[in-house]
Amino acid sequence: MAFEPWMLGAIDEAGYNGIRDEHLARVAEELLADDKELIDQDDFEHACRMAGVDPENFTQDDLDRLEQDFLN
C-alpha cells in the first residue's frame, strides 16, 4: 500500500513515529488546562485525545519527560 503525503502527516501527527516535544507540549497544555493536582489515566487519555495524540504511543520515558519537562 502506498501512502499519500497527507496520510504520512497524520501518522506522524498522532505520534505513531514516536513522541516528540511537540506532542508532549500539546498533551501538557490539555492537562494543565484542567488545573488538577492529580492526573489519573482517564485524564491523561482524554488530554491525549484532545491533543490528537494516541496515548498508546507513549513509552515510560515519554511519560517521564512529560512530567519532568512539561508539567513542572
N, C-alpha and C. Protein backbone atom coordinates (compact mmCIF):
# COMPACT_ATOMS: atom_id res chain seq x y z
N MET A 1 0.84 -1.18 0.00
CA MET A 1 0.00 0.00 0.00
C MET A 1 0.89 1.24 0.00
N ALA A 2 0.61 2.10 -0.89
CA ALA A 2 1.34 3.37 -0.94
C ALA A 2 0.60 4.40 -0.10
N PHE A 3 1.36 5.19 0.61
CA PHE A 3 0.77 6.23 1.45
C PHE A 3 0.83 7.57 0.73
N GLU A 4 -0.26 8.29 0.83
CA GLU A 4 -0.30 9.66 0.34
C GLU A 4 0.41 10.55 1.36
N PRO A 5 0.95 11.68 0.92
CA PRO A 5 1.65 12.57 1.86
C PRO A 5 0.79 12.98 3.06
N TRP A 6 -0.50 13.22 2.85
CA TRP A 6 -1.35 13.62 3.97
C TRP A 6 -1.49 12.48 4.98
N MET A 7 -1.46 11.23 4.50
CA MET A 7 -1.54 10.08 5.40
C MET A 7 -0.31 10.01 6.28
N LEU A 8 0.85 10.21 5.68
CA LEU A 8 2.09 10.19 6.46
C LEU A 8 2.10 11.31 7.49
N GLY A 9 1.57 12.46 7.13
CA GLY A 9 1.48 13.57 8.07
C GLY A 9 0.57 13.24 9.24
N ALA A 10 -0.55 12.60 8.96
CA ALA A 10 -1.49 12.23 10.02
C ALA A 10 -0.88 11.17 10.95
N ILE A 11 -0.15 10.24 10.37
CA ILE A 11 0.53 9.21 11.17
C ILE A 11 1.55 9.86 12.10
N ASP A 12 2.32 10.78 11.58
CA ASP A 12 3.33 11.47 12.37
C ASP A 12 2.68 12.35 13.44
N GLU A 13 1.61 13.03 13.07
CA GLU A 13 0.91 13.94 13.98
C GLU A 13 0.35 13.20 15.19
N ALA A 14 -0.08 11.97 15.01
CA ALA A 14 -0.65 11.17 16.10
C ALA A 14 0.41 10.50 16.96
N GLY A 15 1.68 10.64 16.58
CA GLY A 15 2.76 10.08 17.38
C GLY A 15 3.14 8.66 17.04
N TYR A 16 2.67 8.13 15.92
CA TYR A 16 2.99 6.75 15.56
C TYR A 16 4.46 6.59 15.16
N ASN A 17 5.13 7.67 14.84
CA ASN A 17 6.56 7.62 14.52
C ASN A 17 7.41 8.00 15.73
N GLY A 18 6.79 8.03 16.89
CA GLY A 18 7.47 8.39 18.12
C GLY A 18 6.93 9.71 18.66
N ILE A 19 7.01 9.84 19.96
CA ILE A 19 6.52 11.03 20.64
C ILE A 19 7.64 12.06 20.70
N ARG A 20 7.35 13.24 20.19
CA ARG A 20 8.34 14.34 20.19
C ARG A 20 7.88 15.42 21.16
N ASP A 21 8.73 16.42 21.33
CA ASP A 21 8.41 17.51 22.23
C ASP A 21 7.10 18.20 21.87
N GLU A 22 6.80 18.33 20.60
CA GLU A 22 5.55 18.99 20.21
C GLU A 22 4.34 18.19 20.68
N HIS A 23 4.43 16.86 20.67
CA HIS A 23 3.34 16.03 21.18
C HIS A 23 3.20 16.23 22.68
N LEU A 24 4.33 16.20 23.38
CA LEU A 24 4.31 16.38 24.83
C LEU A 24 3.74 17.75 25.20
N ALA A 25 4.11 18.77 24.46
CA ALA A 25 3.63 20.13 24.74
C ALA A 25 2.12 20.22 24.56
N ARG A 26 1.59 19.59 23.52
CA ARG A 26 0.15 19.64 23.29
C ARG A 26 -0.62 18.90 24.38
N VAL A 27 -0.12 17.74 24.78
CA VAL A 27 -0.78 16.98 25.84
C VAL A 27 -0.67 17.74 27.16
N ALA A 28 0.49 18.30 27.45
CA ALA A 28 0.67 19.06 28.68
C ALA A 28 -0.28 20.25 28.73
N GLU A 29 -0.45 20.93 27.62
CA GLU A 29 -1.36 22.07 27.56
C GLU A 29 -2.78 21.65 27.94
N GLU A 30 -3.21 20.51 27.42
CA GLU A 30 -4.55 20.00 27.76
C GLU A 30 -4.64 19.63 29.23
N LEU A 31 -3.60 18.98 29.75
CA LEU A 31 -3.62 18.59 31.16
C LEU A 31 -3.61 19.80 32.09
N LEU A 32 -2.82 20.78 31.75
CA LEU A 32 -2.72 21.97 32.60
C LEU A 32 -3.99 22.82 32.54
N ALA A 33 -4.73 22.73 31.46
CA ALA A 33 -5.97 23.49 31.33
C ALA A 33 -7.02 23.04 32.35
N ASP A 34 -6.95 21.78 32.77
CA ASP A 34 -7.91 21.25 33.74
C ASP A 34 -7.59 21.69 35.16
N ASP A 35 -6.35 22.14 35.40
CA ASP A 35 -5.94 22.67 36.71
C ASP A 35 -6.19 21.66 37.83
N LYS A 36 -5.82 20.40 37.60
CA LYS A 36 -5.97 19.36 38.62
C LYS A 36 -4.63 19.13 39.31
N GLU A 37 -4.70 18.76 40.58
CA GLU A 37 -3.48 18.44 41.30
C GLU A 37 -3.00 17.04 40.95
N LEU A 38 -3.92 16.11 40.80
CA LEU A 38 -3.59 14.73 40.46
C LEU A 38 -4.18 14.39 39.10
N ILE A 39 -3.41 13.68 38.32
CA ILE A 39 -3.84 13.29 36.98
C ILE A 39 -3.91 11.77 36.94
N ASP A 40 -5.07 11.23 36.62
CA ASP A 40 -5.19 9.78 36.52
C ASP A 40 -5.14 9.35 35.05
N GLN A 41 -5.24 8.06 34.83
CA GLN A 41 -5.14 7.50 33.48
C GLN A 41 -6.23 8.06 32.56
N ASP A 42 -7.44 8.19 33.09
CA ASP A 42 -8.53 8.74 32.27
C ASP A 42 -8.26 10.18 31.86
N ASP A 43 -7.72 10.98 32.79
CA ASP A 43 -7.37 12.37 32.48
C ASP A 43 -6.31 12.41 31.38
N PHE A 44 -5.30 11.55 31.53
CA PHE A 44 -4.22 11.51 30.55
C PHE A 44 -4.75 11.12 29.17
N GLU A 45 -5.55 10.08 29.11
CA GLU A 45 -6.08 9.62 27.82
C GLU A 45 -7.00 10.67 27.20
N HIS A 46 -7.79 11.35 28.01
CA HIS A 46 -8.65 12.41 27.50
C HIS A 46 -7.81 13.55 26.92
N ALA A 47 -6.76 13.95 27.64
CA ALA A 47 -5.87 15.02 27.16
C ALA A 47 -5.21 14.61 25.85
N CYS A 48 -4.80 13.37 25.75
CA CYS A 48 -4.19 12.89 24.50
C CYS A 48 -5.17 12.97 23.35
N ARG A 49 -6.40 12.52 23.57
CA ARG A 49 -7.41 12.58 22.51
C ARG A 49 -7.67 14.02 22.10
N MET A 50 -7.76 14.92 23.07
CA MET A 50 -8.00 16.33 22.76
C MET A 50 -6.82 16.93 21.99
N ALA A 51 -5.61 16.43 22.24
CA ALA A 51 -4.41 16.93 21.56
C ALA A 51 -4.15 16.19 20.25
N GLY A 52 -4.94 15.17 19.95
CA GLY A 52 -4.77 14.43 18.70
C GLY A 52 -3.60 13.47 18.72
N VAL A 53 -3.23 13.00 19.91
CA VAL A 53 -2.10 12.08 20.05
C VAL A 53 -2.63 10.78 20.64
N ASP A 54 -2.25 9.66 20.05
CA ASP A 54 -2.69 8.36 20.54
C ASP A 54 -1.95 8.04 21.84
N PRO A 55 -2.67 7.86 22.97
CA PRO A 55 -1.99 7.59 24.23
C PRO A 55 -1.21 6.29 24.24
N GLU A 56 -1.56 5.37 23.36
CA GLU A 56 -0.85 4.09 23.28
C GLU A 56 0.57 4.24 22.74
N ASN A 57 0.88 5.39 22.16
CA ASN A 57 2.21 5.60 21.58
C ASN A 57 3.24 6.07 22.60
N PHE A 58 2.81 6.36 23.82
CA PHE A 58 3.72 6.85 24.85
C PHE A 58 4.49 5.70 25.49
N THR A 59 5.78 5.89 25.65
CA THR A 59 6.60 4.96 26.42
C THR A 59 6.75 5.53 27.83
N GLN A 60 7.32 4.76 28.72
CA GLN A 60 7.56 5.26 30.07
C GLN A 60 8.51 6.46 30.04
N ASP A 61 9.49 6.42 29.16
CA ASP A 61 10.41 7.56 29.02
C ASP A 61 9.65 8.82 28.58
N ASP A 62 8.68 8.66 27.67
CA ASP A 62 7.87 9.80 27.23
C ASP A 62 7.06 10.36 28.40
N LEU A 63 6.48 9.47 29.19
CA LEU A 63 5.70 9.92 30.35
C LEU A 63 6.58 10.64 31.37
N ASP A 64 7.78 10.12 31.57
CA ASP A 64 8.73 10.77 32.49
C ASP A 64 9.09 12.16 31.99
N ARG A 65 9.35 12.28 30.69
CA ARG A 65 9.68 13.59 30.10
C ARG A 65 8.50 14.55 30.22
N LEU A 66 7.30 14.05 29.98
CA LEU A 66 6.10 14.87 30.11
C LEU A 66 6.01 15.46 31.51
N GLU A 67 6.20 14.60 32.49
CA GLU A 67 6.09 15.04 33.88
C GLU A 67 7.22 16.01 34.26
N GLN A 68 8.45 15.68 33.91
CA GLN A 68 9.60 16.47 34.33
C GLN A 68 9.74 17.78 33.57
N ASP A 69 9.56 17.72 32.27
CA ASP A 69 9.88 18.88 31.43
C ASP A 69 8.68 19.77 31.08
N PHE A 70 7.47 19.24 31.18
CA PHE A 70 6.32 19.99 30.69
C PHE A 70 5.26 20.28 31.75
N LEU A 71 5.25 19.50 32.83
CA LEU A 71 4.20 19.69 33.82
C LEU A 71 4.71 20.32 35.11
N ASN A 72 5.97 20.62 35.19
CA ASN A 72 6.51 21.25 36.41
C ASN A 72 6.79 22.71 36.20
